[in-house]
Amino acid sequence: MSADDRNLTLRTLDVLEVLCGYAASGATNSELAAAAKTTPPNITKVMAQLIAKGWARKSEENGRFFPAPAFTRLTFRVTADLDRLQTRLDDQRRAFTGA
C-alpha cells in the first residue's frame, strides 16, 4: 500500500467517525471538512468511497451526508457478538457454581 493509499484510508476513517456525529441532521461537505480538518475536495473523494461501500448516503433533498443503515448495522453486529460471549460466560459460571 502506498503512502497516498494509507493517507486516504486514514482520512476516510476520520471522516466516517465525524459523520457519525451527524447521524440525525446530516452534514455538508464543508462541515465534514472543518470537523475532519481536511479540504472539501478530500471530503468529496472520501464520501464517494463511503457511498460506494454503502456506509454513507447523500440526501437528494438537501445534499447533506448521513451514515447509511449498512454502516449503522455494524453496531448491532458488535453488540450481538458481545451478547454471545456473555451467554457463554454465564453458562460457564453456572457450570462451575451449580447456580
Protein backbone atom coordinates (compact mmCIF):
# COMPACT_ATOMS: atom_id res chain seq x y z
CA MET A 1 0.00 0.00 0.00
CA SER A 2 1.40 3.36 -1.00
CA ALA A 3 1.64 6.34 1.35
CA ASP A 4 -1.18 8.03 -0.60
CA ASP A 5 -3.40 4.97 -0.13
CA ARG A 6 -2.65 4.90 3.62
CA ASN A 7 -3.42 8.60 3.89
CA LEU A 8 -6.71 8.17 2.05
CA THR A 9 -7.63 5.22 4.24
CA LEU A 10 -6.93 7.15 7.44
CA ARG A 11 -8.72 10.23 6.12
CA THR A 12 -11.72 8.07 5.21
CA LEU A 13 -11.87 6.61 8.71
CA ASP A 14 -11.56 10.09 10.24
CA VAL A 15 -14.43 11.37 8.10
CA LEU A 16 -16.57 8.34 8.90
CA GLU A 17 -16.02 8.97 12.60
CA VAL A 18 -17.01 12.63 12.17
CA LEU A 19 -20.02 11.68 10.03
CA CYS A 20 -21.40 9.53 12.85
CA GLY A 21 -21.79 12.72 14.89
CA TYR A 22 -24.20 14.00 12.26
CA ALA A 23 -26.47 10.96 12.08
CA ALA A 24 -29.65 12.91 12.81
CA SER A 25 -29.03 16.17 10.96
CA GLY A 26 -26.59 15.16 8.26
CA ALA A 27 -23.51 17.17 7.38
CA THR A 28 -22.48 19.32 4.48
CA ASN A 29 -19.23 18.84 2.64
CA SER A 30 -17.87 21.98 4.36
CA GLU A 31 -18.96 20.84 7.84
CA LEU A 32 -17.24 17.50 7.35
CA ALA A 33 -14.09 19.17 6.02
CA ALA A 34 -13.88 21.51 9.02
CA ALA A 35 -14.57 18.78 11.58
CA ALA A 36 -12.15 16.30 9.98
CA LYS A 37 -9.53 19.02 9.41
CA THR A 38 -9.25 18.39 5.70
CA THR A 39 -10.33 20.07 2.49
CA PRO A 40 -13.71 19.94 0.75
CA PRO A 41 -12.16 18.18 -2.30
CA ASN A 42 -10.85 15.47 0.03
CA ILE A 43 -14.32 15.11 1.53
CA THR A 44 -15.75 14.68 -1.97
CA LYS A 45 -13.32 11.79 -2.64
CA VAL A 46 -13.89 10.19 0.74
CA MET A 47 -17.67 10.45 0.58
CA ALA A 48 -17.66 8.88 -2.89
CA GLN A 49 -15.84 5.88 -1.39
CA LEU A 50 -18.18 5.66 1.60
CA ILE A 51 -21.24 5.92 -0.63
CA ALA A 52 -19.84 3.23 -2.96
CA LYS A 53 -19.29 0.96 0.07
CA GLY A 54 -22.85 1.65 1.23
CA TRP A 55 -21.71 3.21 4.51
CA ALA A 56 -22.91 6.74 3.72
CA ARG A 57 -25.63 8.36 1.71
CA LYS A 58 -26.27 11.82 0.31
CA SER A 59 -29.71 13.31 0.70
CA GLU A 60 -31.31 14.18 -2.62
CA GLU A 61 -33.41 16.81 -0.82
CA ASN A 62 -30.69 18.88 0.82
CA GLY A 63 -27.32 17.44 -0.28
CA ARG A 64 -26.30 16.58 3.27
CA PHE A 65 -24.39 13.40 4.05
CA PHE A 66 -25.60 10.79 6.54
CA PRO A 67 -24.29 7.46 7.80
CA ALA A 68 -26.15 4.75 5.89
CA PRO A 69 -28.06 1.88 7.52
CA ALA A 70 -25.44 -0.62 6.29
CA PHE A 71 -22.83 1.13 8.42
CA THR A 72 -25.01 1.65 11.48
CA ARG A 73 -25.93 -2.05 11.43
CA LEU A 74 -22.29 -2.81 12.25
CA THR A 75 -23.01 -1.60 15.77
CA PHE A 76 -25.66 -4.28 16.13
CA ARG A 77 -23.23 -6.92 14.88
CA VAL A 78 -20.75 -5.91 17.59
CA THR A 79 -23.47 -5.97 20.23
CA ALA A 80 -24.68 -9.40 19.09
CA ASP A 81 -21.15 -10.79 19.30
CA LEU A 82 -20.73 -9.40 22.81
CA ASP A 83 -24.11 -10.88 23.80
CA ARG A 84 -22.97 -14.32 22.53
CA LEU A 85 -19.79 -14.03 24.58
CA GLN A 86 -21.75 -13.00 27.67
CA THR A 87 -24.05 -16.01 27.25
CA ARG A 88 -21.05 -18.36 27.03
CA LEU A 89 -19.51 -16.79 30.13
CA ASP A 90 -22.81 -17.07 32.02
CA ASP A 91 -23.07 -20.74 31.01
CA GLN A 92 -19.53 -21.41 32.22
CA ARG A 93 -20.19 -19.62 35.51
CA ARG A 94 -23.29 -21.73 36.09
CA ALA A 95 -21.33 -24.90 35.25
CA PHE A 96 -18.69 -24.06 37.86
CA THR A 97 -21.00 -22.82 40.60
CA GLY A 98 -24.00 -25.03 40.01
CA ALA A 99 -26.22 -21.95 40.14
